[in-house]
C-alpha atoms as a PDB file:
ATOM      1  CA  MET A   1      61.759 103.783  92.490  1.00  0.00           C
ATOM      2  CA  GLY A   2      62.102 107.700  93.298  1.00  0.00           C
ATOM      3  CA  GLY A   3      65.745 107.628  94.059  1.00  0.00           C
ATOM      4  CA  LYS A   4      68.686 107.947  91.561  1.00  0.00           C
ATOM      5  CA  VAL A   5      72.392 107.051  91.303  1.00  0.00           C
ATOM      6  CA  TYR A   6      74.951 109.394  89.881  1.00  0.00           C
ATOM      7  CA  LEU A   7      78.415 107.636  89.146  1.00  0.00           C
ATOM      8  CA  VAL A   8      80.516 110.867  89.217  1.00  0.00           C
ATOM      9  CA  GLY A   9      84.159 111.511  88.443  1.00  0.00           C
ATOM     10  CA  ALA A  10      85.785 113.608  90.934  1.00  0.00           C
ATOM     11  CA  GLY A  11      88.885 114.284  88.652  1.00  0.00           C
ATOM     12  CA  PRO A  12      92.511 114.293  89.839  1.00  0.00           C
ATOM     13  CA  GLY A  13      91.834 116.123  93.077  1.00  0.00           C
ATOM     14  CA  ASP A  14      91.781 119.830  92.735  1.00  0.00           C
ATOM     15  CA  PRO A  15      88.071 120.940  92.811  1.00  0.00           C
ATOM     16  CA  ASP A  16      88.732 123.341  90.031  1.00  0.00           C
ATOM     17  CA  LEU A  17      89.006 120.296  87.709  1.00  0.00           C
ATOM     18  CA  LEU A  18      85.461 119.188  88.598  1.00  0.00           C
ATOM     19  CA  THR A  19      83.045 119.321  85.690  1.00  0.00           C
ATOM     20  CA  LEU A  20      79.993 121.687  86.171  1.00  0.00           C
ATOM     21  CA  ARG A  21      77.706 118.676  86.196  1.00  0.00           C
ATOM     22  CA  ALA A  22      79.696 117.002  88.893  1.00  0.00           C
ATOM     23  CA  TYR A  23      79.693 120.140  91.064  1.00  0.00           C
ATOM     24  CA  ARG A  24      75.785 120.502  90.678  1.00  0.00           C
ATOM     25  CA  VAL A  25      75.185 116.918  91.436  1.00  0.00           C
ATOM     26  CA  LEU A  26      77.343 116.947  94.644  1.00  0.00           C
ATOM     27  CA  ARG A  27      75.492 120.076  95.792  1.00  0.00           C
ATOM     28  CA  GLU A  28      72.241 118.237  95.575  1.00  0.00           C
ATOM     29  CA  ALA A  29      73.253 114.973  96.923  1.00  0.00           C
ATOM     30  CA  ASP A  30      71.520 113.189  99.731  1.00  0.00           C
ATOM     31  CA  ALA A  31      74.254 110.494 100.020  1.00  0.00           C
ATOM     32  CA  VAL A  32      77.718 110.219  98.789  1.00  0.00           C
ATOM     33  CA  LEU A  33      79.770 106.867  98.667  1.00  0.00           C
ATOM     34  CA  TYR A  34      83.344 108.086  98.133  1.00  0.00           C
ATOM     35  CA  ASP A  35      86.931 106.513  97.536  1.00  0.00           C
ATOM     36  CA  ALA A  36      90.307 107.198  98.991  1.00  0.00           C
ATOM     37  CA  LEU A  37      91.511 109.669  96.205  1.00  0.00           C
ATOM     38  CA  VAL A  38      88.712 112.109  96.450  1.00  0.00           C
ATOM     39  CA  SER A  39      89.965 115.203  98.218  1.00  0.00           C
ATOM     40  CA  GLU A  40      88.629 116.980 101.252  1.00  0.00           C
ATOM     41  CA  GLU A  41      87.983 120.076  99.143  1.00  0.00           C
ATOM     42  CA  VAL A  42      85.776 118.164  96.864  1.00  0.00           C
ATOM     43  CA  LEU A  43      83.953 116.416  99.770  1.00  0.00           C
ATOM     44  CA  ASN A  44      83.294 119.908 101.251  1.00  0.00           C
ATOM     45  CA  LEU A  45      80.879 120.539  98.445  1.00  0.00           C
ATOM     46  CA  VAL A  46      78.645 117.829  99.848  1.00  0.00           C
ATOM     47  CA  PRO A  47      75.564 119.560 101.783  1.00  0.00           C
ATOM     48  CA  GLU A  48      75.646 119.751 105.574  1.00  0.00           C
ATOM     49  CA  GLY A  49      73.457 116.681 106.723  1.00  0.00           C
ATOM     50  CA  ALA A  50      74.023 114.452 103.783  1.00  0.00           C
ATOM     51  CA  LEU A  51      75.042 110.928 104.341  1.00  0.00           C
ATOM     52  CA  LYS A  52      79.045 110.469 103.528  1.00  0.00           C
ATOM     53  CA  VAL A  53      80.268 106.883 103.428  1.00  0.00           C
ATOM     54  CA  PHE A  54      83.968 105.997 102.812  1.00  0.00           C
ATOM     55  CA  VAL A  55      84.076 103.073 100.724  1.00  0.00           C
ATOM     56  CA  GLY A  56      87.546 103.250  99.298  1.00  0.00           C
ATOM     57  CA  LYS A  57      91.025 101.507  99.836  1.00  0.00           C
ATOM     58  CA  ARG A  58      93.485 102.391 102.384  1.00  0.00           C
ATOM     59  CA  LYS A  59      96.896 100.683 102.810  1.00  0.00           C
ATOM     60  CA  GLY A  60      95.697  98.191 100.018  1.00  0.00           C
ATOM     61  CA  ARG A  61      92.558  97.192 102.065  1.00  0.00           C
ATOM     62  CA  GLN A  62      89.063  97.653 100.689  1.00  0.00           C
ATOM     63  CA  SER A  63      86.945  99.311 103.379  1.00  0.00           C
ATOM     64  CA  LEU A  64      83.814  97.421 101.902  1.00  0.00           C
ATOM     65  CA  PRO A  65      83.576  94.576  99.404  1.00  0.00           C
ATOM     66  CA  GLN A  66      82.398  95.477  95.899  1.00  0.00           C
ATOM     67  CA  GLU A  67      79.144  93.575  96.445  1.00  0.00           C
ATOM     68  CA  GLU A  68      78.303  95.541  99.607  1.00  0.00           C
ATOM     69  CA  ILE A  69      79.072  98.764  97.836  1.00  0.00           C
ATOM     70  CA  ASN A  70      76.483  97.613  95.002  1.00  0.00           C
ATOM     71  CA  ARG A  71      74.006  96.720  97.581  1.00  0.00           C
ATOM     72  CA  LEU A  72      74.254  99.876  99.586  1.00  0.00           C
ATOM     73  CA  LEU A  73      73.875 102.069  96.460  1.00  0.00           C
ATOM     74  CA  TYR A  74      70.764  99.956  95.546  1.00  0.00           C
ATOM     75  CA  GLU A  75      69.374 100.356  98.917  1.00  0.00           C
ATOM     76  CA  LEU A  76      69.786 104.023  99.284  1.00  0.00           C
ATOM     77  CA  ALA A  77      68.318 104.724  95.902  1.00  0.00           C
ATOM     78  CA  ALA A  78      65.358 102.513  96.762  1.00  0.00           C
ATOM     79  CA  GLY A  79      64.710 104.645  99.654  1.00  0.00           C
ATOM     80  CA  GLY A  80      64.181 107.669  97.346  1.00  0.00           C
ATOM     81  CA  LEU A  81      67.723 109.329  97.721  1.00  0.00           C
ATOM     82  CA  LYS A  82      69.747 111.154  95.285  1.00  0.00           C
ATOM     83  CA  VAL A  83      72.986 108.908  95.555  1.00  0.00           C
ATOM     84  CA  VAL A  84      76.274 110.048  94.484  1.00  0.00           C
ATOM     85  CA  ARG A  85      79.065 107.091  93.927  1.00  0.00           C
ATOM     86  CA  LEU A  86      82.042 109.480  93.859  1.00  0.00           C
ATOM     87  CA  LYS A  87      85.390 108.332  92.239  1.00  0.00           C
ATOM     88  CA  GLY A  88      88.685 109.789  91.717  1.00  0.00           C
ATOM     89  CA  GLY A  89      89.461 110.505  88.010  1.00  0.00           C
ATOM     90  CA  ASP A  90      86.720 109.025  85.896  1.00  0.00           C
ATOM     91  CA  PRO A  91      84.257 106.269  87.096  1.00  0.00           C
ATOM     92  CA  PHE A  92      84.923 104.184  83.888  1.00  0.00           C
ATOM     93  CA  VAL A  93      88.757 104.238  83.986  1.00  0.00           C
ATOM     94  CA  PHE A  94      89.742 101.311  86.236  1.00  0.00           C
ATOM     95  CA  GLY A  95      87.026 102.478  88.636  1.00  0.00           C
ATOM     96  CA  ARG A  96      84.588  99.622  88.534  1.00  0.00           C
ATOM     97  CA  GLY A  97      82.003 102.126  87.285  1.00  0.00           C
ATOM     98  CA  GLY A  98      80.765  99.679  84.711  1.00  0.00           C
ATOM     99  CA  GLU A  99      80.104  96.937  87.379  1.00  0.00           C
ATOM    100  CA  GLU A 100      78.087  99.339  89.267  1.00  0.00           C
ATOM    101  CA  LEU A 101      76.002 100.554  86.338  1.00  0.00           C
ATOM    102  CA  LEU A 102      75.175  96.987  85.398  1.00  0.00           C
ATOM    103  CA  TYR A 103      74.232  95.950  88.925  1.00  0.00           C
ATOM    104  CA  LEU A 104      71.843  98.890  89.293  1.00  0.00           C
ATOM    105  CA  THR A 105      70.260  99.031  85.989  1.00  0.00           C
ATOM    106  CA  GLU A 106      69.447  95.328  86.119  1.00  0.00           C
ATOM    107  CA  ARG A 107      67.417  96.207  89.163  1.00  0.00           C
ATOM    108  CA  GLY A 108      65.657  99.051  87.755  1.00  0.00           C
ATOM    109  CA  VAL A 109      67.584 101.764  89.396  1.00  0.00           C
ATOM    110  CA  GLU A 110      68.013 105.034  87.292  1.00  0.00           C
ATOM    111  CA  VAL A 111      71.698 105.796  86.663  1.00  0.00           C
ATOM    112  CA  GLU A 112      73.495 108.916  85.484  1.00  0.00           C
ATOM    113  CA  VAL A 113      77.161 108.802  84.446  1.00  0.00           C
ATOM    114  CA  VAL A 114      79.053 111.999  85.197  1.00  0.00           C
ATOM    115  CA  PRO A 115      82.440 111.514  83.490  1.00  0.00           C
ATOM    116  CA  GLY A 116      85.581 113.126  85.262  1.00  0.00           C
ATOM    117  CA  VAL A 117      89.180 114.200  84.428  1.00  0.00           C
ATOM    118  CA  SER A 118      91.358 111.193  84.585  1.00  0.00           C
ATOM    119  CA  SER A 119      94.869 111.292  85.969  1.00  0.00           C
ATOM    120  CA  TYR A 120      96.167 109.254  82.832  1.00  0.00           C
ATOM    121  CA  HIS A 121      96.207 112.412  80.811  1.00  0.00           C
ATOM    122  CA  SER A 122      95.807 115.174  83.402  1.00  0.00           C
ATOM    123  CA  ALA A 123      99.014 114.310  85.576  1.00  0.00           C
ATOM    124  CA  PRO A 124     101.308 114.114  82.512  1.00  0.00           C
ATOM    125  CA  ALA A 125      99.695 117.466  81.273  1.00  0.00           C
ATOM    126  CA  LEU A 126     100.503 118.959  84.606  1.00  0.00           C
ATOM    127  CA  PHE A 127     104.178 118.578  83.704  1.00  0.00           C
ATOM    128  CA  GLY A 128     103.695 119.516  79.875  1.00  0.00           C
ATOM    129  CA  VAL A 129     103.727 116.089  78.784  1.00  0.00           C
ATOM    130  CA  PRO A 130     101.253 115.293  75.903  1.00  0.00           C
ATOM    131  CA  LEU A 131     100.211 111.835  75.259  1.00  0.00           C
ATOM    132  CA  THR A 132     100.492 112.363  71.577  1.00  0.00           C
ATOM    133  CA  HIS A 133     102.756 114.758  69.673  1.00  0.00           C
ATOM    134  CA  ARG A 134     103.138 115.105  65.820  1.00  0.00           C
ATOM    135  CA  GLY A 135     106.173 113.429  64.707  1.00  0.00           C
ATOM    136  CA  VAL A 136     106.936 111.866  68.051  1.00  0.00           C
ATOM    137  CA  ALA A 137     103.871 109.846  69.269  1.00  0.00           C
ATOM    138  CA  SER A 138     100.727 108.937  67.399  1.00  0.00           C
ATOM    139  CA  THR A 139      99.451 106.012  69.687  1.00  0.00           C
ATOM    140  CA  PHE A 140      98.969 105.847  73.325  1.00  0.00           C
ATOM    141  CA  ALA A 141      97.729 103.153  75.848  1.00  0.00           C
ATOM    142  CA  VAL A 142      96.641 103.178  79.431  1.00  0.00           C
ATOM    143  CA  ALA A 143      97.249 100.132  81.826  1.00  0.00           C
ATOM    144  CA  THR A 144      97.366  99.406  85.451  1.00  0.00           C
ATOM    145  CA  ALA A 145     100.305  98.227  87.435  1.00  0.00           C
ATOM    146  CA  HIS A 146      97.984  95.874  89.597  1.00  0.00           C
ATOM    147  CA  CYS A 147      97.607  93.863  86.523  1.00  0.00           C
ATOM    148  CA  LEU A 148     101.112  92.701  85.846  1.00  0.00           C
ATOM    149  CA  GLY A 149     100.154  88.984  84.934  1.00  0.00           C
ATOM    150  CA  GLY A 150     100.235  87.745  81.429  1.00  0.00           C
ATOM    151  CA  GLU A 151      96.502  86.891  81.873  1.00  0.00           C
ATOM    152  CA  CYS A 152      95.185  90.377  81.950  1.00  0.00           C
ATOM    153  CA  ALA A 153      98.143  92.624  80.198  1.00  0.00           C
ATOM    154  CA  ASP A 154      99.756  91.881  76.831  1.00  0.00           C
ATOM    155  CA  TRP A 155     103.221  93.541  77.543  1.00  0.00           C
ATOM    156  CA  GLU A 156     104.456  92.927  74.045  1.00  0.00           C
ATOM    157  CA  ALA A 157     101.590  95.075  72.724  1.00  0.00           C
ATOM    158  CA  LEU A 158     102.106  97.647  75.340  1.00  0.00           C
ATOM    159  CA  ALA A 159     105.793  97.967  74.634  1.00  0.00           C
ATOM    160  CA  ARG A 160     104.958  98.651  70.937  1.00  0.00           C
ATOM    161  CA  VAL A 161     102.713 101.840  71.683  1.00  0.00           C
ATOM    162  CA  ASP A 162     104.518 105.229  71.471  1.00  0.00           C
ATOM    163  CA  THR A 163     103.176 106.335  74.909  1.00  0.00           C
ATOM    164  CA  LEU A 164     102.315 103.986  77.621  1.00  0.00           C
ATOM    165  CA  VAL A 165     100.706 105.288  80.934  1.00  0.00           C
ATOM    166  CA  VAL A 166     100.604 102.809  83.798  1.00  0.00           C
ATOM    167  CA  LEU A 167      98.500 103.862  86.694  1.00  0.00           C
ATOM    168  CA  MET A 168      98.715 102.833  90.528  1.00  0.00           C
ATOM    169  CA  ALA A 169     102.372 102.284  89.772  1.00  0.00           C
ATOM    170  CA  ALA A 170     104.186 103.355  92.977  1.00  0.00           C
ATOM    171  CA  SER A 171     104.939 100.108  94.639  1.00  0.00           C
ATOM    172  CA  ARG A 172     105.391  98.282  91.207  1.00  0.00           C
ATOM    173  CA  ARG A 173     107.541 100.643  89.148  1.00  0.00           C
ATOM    174  CA  ARG A 174     110.394  98.334  89.058  1.00  0.00           C
ATOM    175  CA  GLU A 175     108.494  95.422  87.885  1.00  0.00           C
ATOM    176  CA  VAL A 176     106.569  97.525  85.164  1.00  0.00           C
ATOM    177  CA  ALA A 177     110.012  98.632  83.784  1.00  0.00           C
ATOM    178  CA  ARG A 178     111.286  94.935  83.758  1.00  0.00           C
ATOM    179  CA  ARG A 179     108.206  93.726  81.853  1.00  0.00           C
ATOM    180  CA  LEU A 180     108.620  96.424  79.199  1.00  0.00           C
ATOM    181  CA  LEU A 181     112.296  95.811  78.876  1.00  0.00           C
ATOM    182  CA  GLU A 182     111.537  91.830  78.499  1.00  0.00           C
ATOM    183  CA  ALA A 183     109.036  92.693  75.833  1.00  0.00           C
ATOM    184  CA  GLY A 184     111.566  94.580  73.845  1.00  0.00           C
ATOM    185  CA  LYS A 185     111.264  98.185  74.904  1.00  0.00           C
ATOM    186  CA  ASP A 186     114.460 100.261  74.677  1.00  0.00           C
ATOM    187  CA  PRO A 187     116.181 100.761  77.905  1.00  0.00           C
ATOM    188  CA  LYS A 188     116.991 104.341  76.885  1.00  0.00           C
ATOM    189  CA  THR A 189     113.198 105.324  76.419  1.00  0.00           C
ATOM    190  CA  PRO A 190     112.504 108.327  78.603  1.00  0.00           C
ATOM    191  CA  VAL A 191     110.261 107.933  81.567  1.00  0.00           C
ATOM    192  CA  LEU A 192     108.167 110.338  83.973  1.00  0.00           C
ATOM    193  CA  LEU A 193     106.891 109.311  87.233  1.00  0.00           C
ATOM    194  CA  VAL A 194     104.267 111.624  88.676  1.00  0.00           C
ATOM    195  CA  SER A 195     103.070 111.400  92.226  1.00  0.00           C
ATOM    196  CA  ASP A 196     100.055 113.038  93.904  1.00  0.00           C
ATOM    197  CA  ALA A 197      99.238 115.099  90.899  1.00  0.00           C
ATOM    198  CA  TYR A 198      97.495 118.388  91.688  1.00  0.00           C
ATOM    199  CA  GLY A 199      97.845 117.487  95.474  1.00  0.00           C
ATOM    200  CA  ALA A 200      99.784 119.172  98.290  1.00  0.00           C
ATOM    201  CA  ARG A 201     102.815 116.699  97.635  1.00  0.00           C
ATOM    202  CA  GLN A 202     102.670 116.618  93.892  1.00  0.00           C
ATOM    203  CA  ARG A 203     106.278 115.647  92.537  1.00  0.00           C
ATOM    204  CA  ALA A 204     107.700 114.244  89.271  1.00  0.00           C
ATOM    205  CA  VAL A 205     110.778 112.446  88.361  1.00  0.00           C
ATOM    206  CA  ARG A 206     112.512 111.849  84.982  1.00  0.00           C
ATOM    207  CA  THR A 207     114.461 108.861  84.335  1.00  0.00           C
ATOM    208  CA  THR A 208     114.887 106.156  81.751  1.00  0.00           C
ATOM    209  CA  LEU A 209     113.344 102.618  81.559  1.00  0.00           C
ATOM    210  CA  GLY A 210     116.629 100.967  82.104  1.00  0.00           C
ATOM    211  CA  GLU A 211     117.382 103.055  85.179  1.00  0.00           C
ATOM    212  CA  LEU A 212     113.798 102.546  86.545  1.00  0.00           C
ATOM    213  CA  ALA A 213     114.505  98.765  86.384  1.00  0.00           C
ATOM    214  CA  GLN A 214     117.796  98.824  88.245  1.00  0.00           C
ATOM    215  CA  ASN A 215     117.514 101.721  90.322  1.00  0.00           C
ATOM    216  CA  PRO A 216     113.908 103.200  90.800  1.00  0.00           C
ATOM    217  CA  PRO A 217     113.755 106.472  92.392  1.00  0.00           C
ATOM    218  CA  PRO A 218     111.420 106.883  95.635  1.00  0.00           C
ATOM    219  CA  ILE A 219     107.893 107.909  94.871  1.00  0.00           C
ATOM    220  CA  GLU A 220     104.841 107.882  97.092  1.00  0.00           C
ATOM    221  CA  PRO A 221     101.491 106.853  96.038  1.00  0.00           C
ATOM    222  CA  PRO A 222      99.233 107.835  94.230  1.00  0.00           C
ATOM    223  CA  ALA A 223     101.574 107.481  91.324  1.00  0.00           C
ATOM    224  CA  LEU A 224     101.731 106.926  87.608  1.00  0.00           C
ATOM    225  CA  ILE A 225     104.509 106.088  85.090  1.00  0.00           C
ATOM    226  CA  VAL A 226     104.629 107.669  81.463  1.00  0.00           C
ATOM    227  CA  VAL A 227     106.745 105.687  79.229  1.00  0.00           C
ATOM    228  CA  GLY A 228     107.853 107.169  75.948  1.00  0.00           C
ATOM    229  CA  GLU A 229     109.725 109.744  73.831  1.00  0.00           C
ATOM    230  CA  VAL A 230     106.960 112.424  75.133  1.00  0.00           C
ATOM    231  CA  ALA A 231     108.129 111.973  78.664  1.00  0.00           C
ATOM    232  CA  ALA A 232     111.394 113.842  77.713  1.00  0.00           C
ATOM    233  CA  MET A 233     109.300 116.975  76.939  1.00  0.00           C
ATOM    234  CA  ALA A 234     108.428 117.332  80.775  1.00  0.00           C
ATOM    235  CA  SER A 235     108.612 120.895  82.096  1.00  0.00           C
ATOM    236  CA  GLU A 236     110.798 121.755  85.178  1.00  0.00           C
ATOM    237  CA  VAL A 237     107.860 122.909  87.068  1.00  0.00           C
ATOM    238  CA  PRO A 238     104.068 122.229  87.134  1.00  0.00           C
ATOM    239  CA  LEU A 239     102.011 124.182  84.747  1.00  0.00           C
ATOM    240  CA  TRP A 240      99.085 124.418  86.994  1.00  0.00           C
ATOM    241  CA  SER A 241      98.950 127.953  88.535  1.00  0.00           C
ATOM    242  CA  ALA A 242     102.639 127.505  89.392  1.00  0.00           C
ATOM    243  CA  VAL A 243     104.696 130.419  90.570  1.00  0.00           C
ATOM    244  CA  SER A 244     108.377 129.857  91.574  1.00  0.00           C
ATOM    245  CA  THR A 245     109.566 130.254  94.970  1.00  0.00           C
ATOM    246  CA  LYS A 246     113.096 130.924  96.446  1.00  0.00           C
ATOM    247  CA  GLY A 247     115.186 128.209  97.818  1.00  0.00           C
ATOM    248  CA  PRO A 248     114.745 125.109  95.654  1.00  0.00           C
ATOM    249  CA  GLN A 249     116.449 121.966  96.546  1.00  0.00           C
ATOM    250  CA  LYS A 250     119.215 120.890  94.227  1.00  0.00           C
ATOM    251  CA  GLY A 251     117.687 119.229  91.275  1.00  0.00           C
ATOM    252  CA  GLN A 252     114.191 120.199  92.131  1.00  0.00           C
ATOM    253  CA  LYS A 253     111.995 123.393  92.253  1.00  0.00           C
ATOM    254  CA  GLU A 254     109.354 124.073  94.877  1.00  0.00           C
ATOM    255  CA  VAL A 255     106.380 125.974  93.478  1.00  0.00           C
ATOM    256  CA  PRO A 256     103.033 126.800  95.365  1.00  0.00           C
ATOM    257  CA  ASN A 257      99.921 124.889  94.204  1.00  0.00           C
ATOM    258  CA  ARG A 258      96.813 126.482  93.873  1.00  0.00           C
ATOM    259  CA  ARG A 259      95.920 126.278  97.527  1.00  0.00           C
ATOM    260  CA  GLY A 260      99.226 127.950  98.580  1.00  0.00           C
ATOM    261  CA  GLN A 261     100.962 124.701  99.720  1.00  0.00           C
ATOM    262  CA  LYS A 262     104.617 124.215  98.661  1.00  0.00           C
ATOM    263  CA  VAL A 263     105.009 121.241  96.261  1.00  0.00           C
ATOM    264  CA  LYS A 264     107.998 119.882  94.522  1.00  0.00           C
ATOM    265  CA  GLY A 265     108.736 120.071  90.857  1.00  0.00           C
ATOM    266  CA  ILE A 266     110.815 117.739  88.636  1.00  0.00           C
ATOM    267  CA  SER A 267     113.939 116.119  89.716  1.00  0.00           C
ATOM    268  CA  ASN A 268     116.250 114.308  87.215  1.00  0.00           C
ATOM    269  CA  ARG A 269     117.612 110.826  87.820  1.00  0.00           C
END
């Protein structure tokens, strides 16, 4: 079999946060199967004439079942093509990259994994929040809000870590807070919600766990939640090529992002 599949992490959205390897692989791709969180700027790196297939989720609906994605990857590689499976963040962090790797290698397809910058650490970092900080936090965990049942998440264990990052959390932010409170987390624990990190609509909101459970602030997907004392360290504006502009709204600051679009800074709840 002459083809090859590359499982590539596209990072959090800004093409400047692609790895050099991801950039080179994209520039040589014959076919790209991409997810919803991959930005247009990253897709523009794909050569003209290459096949581009959207296989992600929109409005909660998967455009193709995972089994069909696996089969398409195999068929394209079997045809001798360089195939890129392009995922937001990192392919092995809630990206089903492991499933695709097993499916393809079991069928003799050569696979290369190209790690990406995941939002679980890059989105908090955008607002100056470290996952660990001496004297404040020495442990952290990452979970997904799509897994709220007891069968796939130990909320008592998650409540004990110093810093918890919950991905895909926009529509379930209240339930996440309630689960952690039920598991014994202090309602005064600082919380940071980050939406569309490194995108045109990036925004962050500071609150507490108790307030999040009772009066969750509006936030648009894609979004994550940072729970822990480090969340109190969040800066007033993004730390990614941010330059303050005149005319901020009360409680917020607008800053231009790298592509010159205005984006919101932190608001306090």
